[in-house]
Amino acid sequence: MDNVRHRYLSILPDLPLWVETRGLLLWEGSKIIENPTQSGFVVWSTEDGIGSVVGEPEPQAVALAARDVPELLAFEDNIERLRSLLRAFQAEPATIFTEPELLPYAPAHRCCEISLDEISVQSHLPADLLAELSNVAEDEVTIVAAFDGSQPVAFAYVASETESLWDVSIDTIRSHRRRGYAVSAVVHLMCLMRKKGKSAVWGALESNPASSNLARRLGFLENARLWVLTRKTA
């Protein structure tokens, strides 16, 4: 690991606010540019389409990341500066939740890990979801599926991972939403990750109250706040 990554990993604590940023720093395939005065940096992954801006990196570095990825994370101390630098992006707050001490109740839907080969033959899945899950599975990330009979209908996977935390991502096909399948999948994955000594972090955009409400219903607790800057569409 290069010295720049190592330095910022030692500075940024392994806390829910930083789970995606630390996940990017830990992945050697990401790009990172720091301010010459070491007062900030930007790290991003073109593969995942996301980056994080910490402190006050040079405007040129921010512009380079913004050219490569459609989504950047910002924080309390730099959101206003980034709003002015990135006029082609819109900013939205997001709440970061942490998992409860006790695992939440989950409906008794069958759940298990699902492989890339198994995902590839699921012709009932929408094309965008099939592509998303295939990309995740190709990176050897754990994916849990909840089943209706023999068909997987909801999925939970590790979107980012640090030494002690992981970021929740869930998807459910439209016909099976609000029926407990996503809850079953995410609780099953929480059990697997707890065995590895890792706790779940749940991020929810302000524009997605359904996600926030589900997190609260599962007992997740509000912990922090950040901003997601997304490139505006024409």
Foldseek 3Di string as FASTA:
>chain_A
DDPLLVVVPVVDDPDQVCQAVNLQSPDPQWDKDAAPVRQWIKIDHLLLQEIETGGDHDLVRVVVSVVRHFKYWFFDVCPVVVCVSCVQWDKFKKWKWWADPDFFDAPPFDKDWDALVRLVPQPVDPPVVSVVVNSCRVVVWTKMFTDDVPHTFKIWTFPGGDQAETEIDMDGPPVCPPPRRRVVRVSVVQVVVVVVNHIYMYMDTPVCVVSVVVCVVRPIGTDGMIMMIGRDDD
